Amino acid sequence: MDYVKAFIIGGIVCALVQILMEKTKMLPGRIMVLLVCTGAVLGAIGWFEPMKKFAGAGVTVPLLGFGNVLWNGVKEAVNQKGFLGIFSGGLEAGAVGISAALIFGYLSALIFPLKRKM
């Protein structure tokens, strides 16, 4: 049943994003930033954890989950380091995901080189 809930909630998130792309003139990059910021705001107001308990990977895998990871990292770093934690916390918490994206993106570029049209 967990897989079904994750699939349905993740599908709803994707459907909402698709509606944004189709009905507005927002560029994909701005929609991605909106999703990350939404995840951070949902974490800040305390709604992300109940959603995560209900839907699991349906909300943690998309960019909403990344925004929540950044929020939790900043919150913990501010508690430990004070004001400077605002700048370091998100990167410390998301370092593994950011590194993986860079490494796999680079490897993909090596394996699948760009074919230029002349």
Protein backbone atom coordinates (compact mmCIF):
# COMPACT_ATOMS: atom_id res chain seq x y z
CA MET A 1 0.00 0.00 0.00
CA ASP A 2 2.94 2.33 0.62
CA TYR A 3 3.91 2.12 -3.05
CA VAL A 4 0.40 3.01 -4.14
CA LYS A 5 0.26 6.07 -1.86
CA ALA A 6 3.70 7.21 -3.03
CA PHE A 7 2.69 6.72 -6.67
CA ILE A 8 -0.57 8.63 -6.28
CA ILE A 9 0.87 11.57 -4.31
CA GLY A 10 3.94 11.78 -6.57
CA GLY A 11 1.61 11.69 -9.57
CA ILE A 12 -0.46 14.53 -8.13
CA VAL A 13 2.69 16.62 -7.66
CA CYS A 14 3.75 15.90 -11.25
CA ALA A 15 0.25 16.67 -12.56
CA LEU A 16 0.22 20.03 -10.75
CA VAL A 17 3.62 20.87 -12.22
CA GLN A 18 2.41 19.86 -15.68
CA ILE A 19 -0.62 22.14 -15.29
CA LEU A 20 1.72 25.00 -14.31
CA MET A 21 3.82 24.36 -17.40
CA GLU A 22 0.82 24.18 -19.73
CA LYS A 23 -1.33 27.01 -18.36
CA THR A 24 1.31 29.59 -17.44
CA LYS A 25 4.32 31.01 -19.20
CA MET A 26 6.62 29.92 -16.37
CA LEU A 27 9.90 28.45 -17.52
CA PRO A 28 10.89 24.99 -16.23
CA GLY A 29 13.74 26.42 -14.16
CA ARG A 30 11.37 28.73 -12.32
CA ILE A 31 8.96 25.88 -11.65
CA MET A 32 11.84 23.84 -10.21
CA VAL A 33 12.78 26.72 -7.92
CA LEU A 34 9.12 27.03 -6.92
CA LEU A 35 9.06 23.35 -5.95
CA VAL A 36 12.23 23.62 -3.87
CA CYS A 37 10.91 26.73 -2.11
CA THR A 38 7.54 25.05 -1.54
CA GLY A 39 9.29 22.10 0.11
CA ALA A 40 11.21 24.46 2.38
CA VAL A 41 8.06 26.38 3.32
CA LEU A 42 6.13 23.16 3.98
CA GLY A 43 8.96 22.08 6.26
CA ALA A 44 9.03 25.44 8.03
CA ILE A 45 5.31 25.38 8.83
CA GLY A 46 5.44 21.73 9.90
CA TRP A 47 3.35 20.20 7.10
CA PHE A 48 6.10 18.29 5.30
CA GLU A 49 6.65 15.62 7.99
CA PRO A 50 2.99 14.49 8.07
CA MET A 51 3.01 14.41 4.26
CA LYS A 52 6.22 12.36 4.35
CA LYS A 53 4.75 9.89 6.83
CA PHE A 54 1.69 9.45 4.63
CA ALA A 55 3.19 9.46 1.12
CA GLY A 56 6.84 8.53 1.65
CA ALA A 57 8.80 8.76 -1.58
CA GLY A 58 5.86 10.49 -3.26
CA VAL A 59 6.99 13.75 -1.67
CA THR A 60 10.61 13.10 -0.68
CA VAL A 61 11.98 12.19 -4.11
CA PRO A 62 10.75 15.22 -6.08
CA LEU A 63 12.19 18.66 -5.58
CA LEU A 64 9.84 19.19 -2.65
CA GLY A 65 12.01 16.79 -0.66
CA PHE A 66 15.18 18.64 -1.60
CA GLY A 67 13.68 21.90 -0.36
CA ASN A 68 12.82 20.23 2.92
CA VAL A 69 16.36 18.85 3.25
CA LEU A 70 17.72 22.37 2.77
CA TRP A 71 15.31 23.74 5.37
CA ASN A 72 16.21 21.09 7.95
CA GLY A 73 19.92 21.66 7.35
CA VAL A 74 19.58 25.41 7.84
CA LYS A 75 17.45 24.94 10.97
CA GLU A 76 19.97 22.58 12.56
CA ALA A 77 22.97 24.70 11.60
CA VAL A 78 21.38 27.85 13.02
CA ASN A 79 20.77 26.02 16.29
CA GLN A 80 24.43 24.93 16.42
CA LYS A 81 26.35 27.81 14.81
CA GLY A 82 24.02 30.77 15.09
CA PHE A 83 23.57 33.23 12.24
CA LEU A 84 26.32 31.73 10.06
CA GLY A 85 24.37 28.48 9.94
CA ILE A 86 22.01 30.16 7.46
CA PHE A 87 24.77 30.05 4.86
CA SER A 88 26.27 26.63 5.57
CA GLY A 89 23.42 24.44 6.80
CA GLY A 90 21.61 23.84 3.53
CA LEU A 91 24.76 22.92 1.65
CA GLU A 92 25.95 20.59 4.41
CA ALA A 93 22.60 18.80 4.52
CA GLY A 94 22.25 18.52 0.75
CA ALA A 95 25.91 17.82 -0.07
CA VAL A 96 25.40 14.16 -0.94
CA GLY A 97 22.52 14.85 -3.32
CA ILE A 98 24.26 17.80 -4.95
CA SER A 99 27.48 15.81 -5.39
CA ALA A 100 25.62 12.84 -6.83
CA ALA A 101 23.82 15.07 -9.34
CA LEU A 102 27.10 16.62 -10.47
CA ILE A 103 28.96 13.31 -10.73
CA PHE A 104 26.17 11.45 -12.55
CA GLY A 105 25.59 14.42 -14.85
CA TYR A 106 29.27 14.45 -15.76
CA LEU A 107 29.36 10.70 -16.32
CA SER A 108 26.25 10.92 -18.49
CA ALA A 109 27.91 13.62 -20.57
CA LEU A 110 30.92 11.36 -21.09
CA ILE A 111 28.82 8.35 -22.05
CA PHE A 112 26.31 10.22 -24.21
CA PRO A 113 28.15 13.02 -25.98
CA LEU A 114 26.21 15.89 -27.51
CA LYS A 115 25.54 15.49 -31.23
CA ARG A 116 25.76 18.89 -32.83
CA LYS A 117 23.73 19.66 -35.93
CA MET A 118 25.57 21.63 -38.57
